[in-house]
Amino acid sequence: MRRISSFLRLAGVVALLTGGFHGLSAWAAECHYDVSPLPVTTGEVTRITGDGVLLEDGTSIVLPESLLPFVRLSQTVTVRGLNGLHEKKVWAVALETPKGRLCPSEHDVKKGPYPGSPAYDVIRHSGEHSE
């Protein structure tokens, strides 16, 4: 699974550099939640990184894989997301495009254990003994 994820990340970076691979664009989706209260960050992309982009002012933008195909070098991008407390880093939750706002699709959202799921049932908390 890790190998597939690495391949998809590499494919996204290659797509960003070459301007192609539009099949990935189907992974992004319209936002189904309100991201308007989140801070807005805008800037010109100067470098593609392993997990997103770097803006001209030094701000690092961490992008979900499904949003990577929508940014290009020397392009101005606008994202909504969570700002880092001690560094110029933004974890993007939505990308503003001329056609509207895009959010990560369900392919990007990592689902962890939840009550009732098989994975949740095997979680052991410290001090808890197995039977």
C-alpha atoms as a PDB file:
ATOM      1  CA  MET A   1       0.000   0.000   0.000  1.00  0.00           C
ATOM      2  CA  ARG A   2       2.866   2.365   0.845  1.00  0.00           C
ATOM      3  CA  ARG A   3       4.460   1.648  -2.534  1.00  0.00           C
ATOM      4  CA  ILE A   4       1.234   2.579  -4.342  1.00  0.00           C
ATOM      5  CA  SER A   5       0.938   5.811  -2.353  1.00  0.00           C
ATOM      6  CA  SER A   6       4.538   6.718  -3.208  1.00  0.00           C
ATOM      7  CA  PHE A   7       3.850   6.005  -6.876  1.00  0.00           C
ATOM      8  CA  LEU A   8       0.758   8.227  -6.873  1.00  0.00           C
ATOM      9  CA  ARG A   9       2.666  11.041  -5.170  1.00  0.00           C
ATOM     10  CA  LEU A  10       5.462  10.730  -7.751  1.00  0.00           C
ATOM     11  CA  ALA A  11       2.893  10.684 -10.569  1.00  0.00           C
ATOM     12  CA  GLY A  12       1.365  13.873  -9.157  1.00  0.00           C
ATOM     13  CA  VAL A  13       4.743  15.623  -9.048  1.00  0.00           C
ATOM     14  CA  VAL A  14       5.521  14.513 -12.609  1.00  0.00           C
ATOM     15  CA  ALA A  15       2.099  15.795 -13.679  1.00  0.00           C
ATOM     16  CA  LEU A  16       2.811  19.149 -12.068  1.00  0.00           C
ATOM     17  CA  LEU A  17       6.140  19.463 -13.815  1.00  0.00           C
ATOM     18  CA  THR A  18       4.868  18.406 -17.221  1.00  0.00           C
ATOM     19  CA  GLY A  19       1.424  20.007 -17.083  1.00  0.00           C
ATOM     20  CA  GLY A  20      -0.261  16.742 -17.990  1.00  0.00           C
ATOM     21  CA  PHE A  21      -1.970  13.740 -16.409  1.00  0.00           C
ATOM     22  CA  HIS A  22      -5.422  15.257 -16.284  1.00  0.00           C
ATOM     23  CA  GLY A  23      -6.933  11.941 -15.170  1.00  0.00           C
ATOM     24  CA  LEU A  24      -6.023  12.808 -11.587  1.00  0.00           C
ATOM     25  CA  SER A  25      -8.245  15.878 -11.730  1.00  0.00           C
ATOM     26  CA  ALA A  26     -11.258  13.634 -11.299  1.00  0.00           C
ATOM     27  CA  TRP A  27     -10.088  12.948  -7.743  1.00  0.00           C
ATOM     28  CA  ALA A  28     -10.776  16.494  -6.542  1.00  0.00           C
ATOM     29  CA  ALA A  29     -14.317  17.362  -5.575  1.00  0.00           C
ATOM     30  CA  GLU A  30     -16.554  20.277  -4.738  1.00  0.00           C
ATOM     31  CA  CYS A  31     -16.472  21.180  -1.067  1.00  0.00           C
ATOM     32  CA  HIS A  32     -19.191  19.555   0.990  1.00  0.00           C
ATOM     33  CA  TYR A  33     -18.339  21.557   4.080  1.00  0.00           C
ATOM     34  CA  ASP A  34     -17.895  25.253   4.862  1.00  0.00           C
ATOM     35  CA  VAL A  35     -14.236  26.259   4.569  1.00  0.00           C
ATOM     36  CA  SER A  36     -14.911  30.010   4.349  1.00  0.00           C
ATOM     37  CA  PRO A  37     -13.875  30.691   7.989  1.00  0.00           C
ATOM     38  CA  LEU A  38     -10.378  29.300   7.319  1.00  0.00           C
ATOM     39  CA  PRO A  39      -7.521  31.725   6.612  1.00  0.00           C
ATOM     40  CA  VAL A  40      -6.703  32.458   2.964  1.00  0.00           C
ATOM     41  CA  THR A  41      -3.143  32.266   1.640  1.00  0.00           C
ATOM     42  CA  THR A  42      -2.239  33.521  -1.838  1.00  0.00           C
ATOM     43  CA  GLY A  43       1.100  33.514  -3.606  1.00  0.00           C
ATOM     44  CA  GLU A  44       3.108  32.520  -6.651  1.00  0.00           C
ATOM     45  CA  VAL A  45       4.405  28.943  -6.816  1.00  0.00           C
ATOM     46  CA  THR A  46       8.202  28.905  -7.032  1.00  0.00           C
ATOM     47  CA  ARG A  47       8.900  25.235  -6.324  1.00  0.00           C
ATOM     48  CA  ILE A  48       7.142  21.885  -6.225  1.00  0.00           C
ATOM     49  CA  THR A  49       7.927  19.921  -3.042  1.00  0.00           C
ATOM     50  CA  GLY A  50       7.251  16.318  -2.070  1.00  0.00           C
ATOM     51  CA  ASP A  51       4.030  17.214  -0.278  1.00  0.00           C
ATOM     52  CA  GLY A  52       2.882  20.406  -1.975  1.00  0.00           C
ATOM     53  CA  VAL A  53       4.396  23.697  -3.154  1.00  0.00           C
ATOM     54  CA  LEU A  54       6.611  26.542  -1.970  1.00  0.00           C
ATOM     55  CA  LEU A  55       5.464  30.136  -2.506  1.00  0.00           C
ATOM     56  CA  GLU A  56       7.678  33.117  -3.368  1.00  0.00           C
ATOM     57  CA  ASP A  57       7.507  34.450   0.210  1.00  0.00           C
ATOM     58  CA  GLY A  58       8.855  31.142   1.598  1.00  0.00           C
ATOM     59  CA  THR A  59       5.491  29.776   2.716  1.00  0.00           C
ATOM     60  CA  SER A  60       5.212  26.010   2.357  1.00  0.00           C
ATOM     61  CA  ILE A  61       1.766  24.797   1.279  1.00  0.00           C
ATOM     62  CA  VAL A  62       0.952  21.163   2.067  1.00  0.00           C
ATOM     63  CA  LEU A  63      -1.606  19.929  -0.474  1.00  0.00           C
ATOM     64  CA  PRO A  64      -3.653  16.723  -0.545  1.00  0.00           C
ATOM     65  CA  GLU A  65      -2.745  14.508  -3.511  1.00  0.00           C
ATOM     66  CA  SER A  66      -5.987  15.203  -5.376  1.00  0.00           C
ATOM     67  CA  LEU A  67      -5.295  18.962  -5.424  1.00  0.00           C
ATOM     68  CA  LEU A  68      -1.697  18.712  -6.690  1.00  0.00           C
ATOM     69  CA  PRO A  69      -2.626  18.533 -10.411  1.00  0.00           C
ATOM     70  CA  PHE A  70      -4.293  21.945 -10.194  1.00  0.00           C
ATOM     71  CA  VAL A  71      -1.142  23.950  -9.393  1.00  0.00           C
ATOM     72  CA  ARG A  72       1.708  24.884 -11.746  1.00  0.00           C
ATOM     73  CA  LEU A  73       5.075  26.596 -11.410  1.00  0.00           C
ATOM     74  CA  SER A  74       4.905  30.405 -11.678  1.00  0.00           C
ATOM     75  CA  GLN A  75       1.125  30.254 -11.158  1.00  0.00           C
ATOM     76  CA  THR A  76      -0.627  32.260  -8.458  1.00  0.00           C
ATOM     77  CA  VAL A  77      -2.535  29.966  -6.119  1.00  0.00           C
ATOM     78  CA  THR A  78      -5.078  30.699  -3.414  1.00  0.00           C
ATOM     79  CA  VAL A  79      -5.760  28.136  -0.704  1.00  0.00           C
ATOM     80  CA  ARG A  80      -7.786  27.978   2.470  1.00  0.00           C
ATOM     81  CA  GLY A  81      -6.276  26.002   5.297  1.00  0.00           C
ATOM     82  CA  LEU A  82      -4.655  25.791   8.684  1.00  0.00           C
ATOM     83  CA  ASN A  83      -1.633  27.988   9.376  1.00  0.00           C
ATOM     84  CA  GLY A  84       1.389  26.707  11.291  1.00  0.00           C
ATOM     85  CA  LEU A  85       1.975  28.328  14.678  1.00  0.00           C
ATOM     86  CA  HIS A  86       5.760  28.637  14.490  1.00  0.00           C
ATOM     87  CA  GLU A  87       6.592  28.369  10.815  1.00  0.00           C
ATOM     88  CA  LYS A  88       5.400  29.632   7.450  1.00  0.00           C
ATOM     89  CA  LYS A  89       3.447  26.494   6.636  1.00  0.00           C
ATOM     90  CA  VAL A  90      -0.173  26.024   5.580  1.00  0.00           C
ATOM     91  CA  TRP A  91      -2.064  22.731   5.470  1.00  0.00           C
ATOM     92  CA  ALA A  92      -4.491  23.355   2.613  1.00  0.00           C
ATOM     93  CA  VAL A  93      -8.078  22.205   2.969  1.00  0.00           C
ATOM     94  CA  ALA A  94      -9.402  23.866  -0.192  1.00  0.00           C
ATOM     95  CA  LEU A  95      -8.004  25.304  -3.408  1.00  0.00           C
ATOM     96  CA  GLU A  96      -9.644  28.331  -5.006  1.00  0.00           C
ATOM     97  CA  THR A  97      -9.848  28.035  -8.812  1.00  0.00           C
ATOM     98  CA  PRO A  98     -11.494  30.197 -11.486  1.00  0.00           C
ATOM     99  CA  LYS A  99     -14.187  27.499 -11.772  1.00  0.00           C
ATOM    100  CA  GLY A 100     -14.846  27.379  -8.025  1.00  0.00           C
ATOM    101  CA  ARG A 101     -13.521  25.919  -4.816  1.00  0.00           C
ATOM    102  CA  LEU A 102     -12.046  22.392  -4.777  1.00  0.00           C
ATOM    103  CA  CYS A 103     -11.603  20.148  -1.750  1.00  0.00           C
ATOM    104  CA  PRO A 104      -9.904  16.772  -1.306  1.00  0.00           C
ATOM    105  CA  SER A 105     -11.949  13.815  -2.445  1.00  0.00           C
ATOM    106  CA  GLU A 106     -12.677  10.729  -0.402  1.00  0.00           C
ATOM    107  CA  HIS A 107      -9.570   9.131  -1.965  1.00  0.00           C
ATOM    108  CA  ASP A 108      -7.419  11.579   0.021  1.00  0.00           C
ATOM    109  CA  VAL A 109      -9.232  11.408   3.326  1.00  0.00           C
ATOM    110  CA  LYS A 110      -7.569   8.803   5.500  1.00  0.00           C
ATOM    111  CA  LYS A 111     -10.182   7.018   7.540  1.00  0.00           C
ATOM    112  CA  GLY A 112      -8.973   5.769  10.890  1.00  0.00           C
ATOM    113  CA  PRO A 113     -10.599   3.418  13.373  1.00  0.00           C
ATOM    114  CA  TYR A 114     -14.052   4.438  14.552  1.00  0.00           C
ATOM    115  CA  PRO A 115     -16.329   2.821  17.160  1.00  0.00           C
ATOM    116  CA  GLY A 116     -17.799  -0.335  15.694  1.00  0.00           C
ATOM    117  CA  SER A 117     -15.086  -0.835  13.054  1.00  0.00           C
ATOM    118  CA  PRO A 118     -12.844  -3.928  13.169  1.00  0.00           C
ATOM    119  CA  ALA A 119      -9.747  -1.730  13.550  1.00  0.00           C
ATOM    120  CA  TYR A 120     -11.245   0.038  16.568  1.00  0.00           C
ATOM    121  CA  ASP A 121     -11.903  -3.233  18.339  1.00  0.00           C
ATOM    122  CA  VAL A 122      -8.191  -4.124  18.424  1.00  0.00           C
ATOM    123  CA  ILE A 123      -7.015  -0.813  19.914  1.00  0.00           C
ATOM    124  CA  ARG A 124      -5.497  -1.366  23.356  1.00  0.00           C
ATOM    125  CA  HIS A 125      -5.115   1.596  25.664  1.00  0.00           C
ATOM    126  CA  SER A 126      -2.240   1.793  28.153  1.00  0.00           C
ATOM    127  CA  GLY A 127      -3.035  -0.105  31.343  1.00  0.00           C
ATOM    128  CA  GLU A 128      -5.669  -2.208  29.603  1.00  0.00           C
ATOM    129  CA  HIS A 129      -5.165  -5.973  29.754  1.00  0.00           C
ATOM    130  CA  SER A 130      -6.107  -8.376  26.988  1.00  0.00           C
ATOM    131  CA  GLU A 131      -8.311 -11.295  27.914  1.00  0.00           C
END
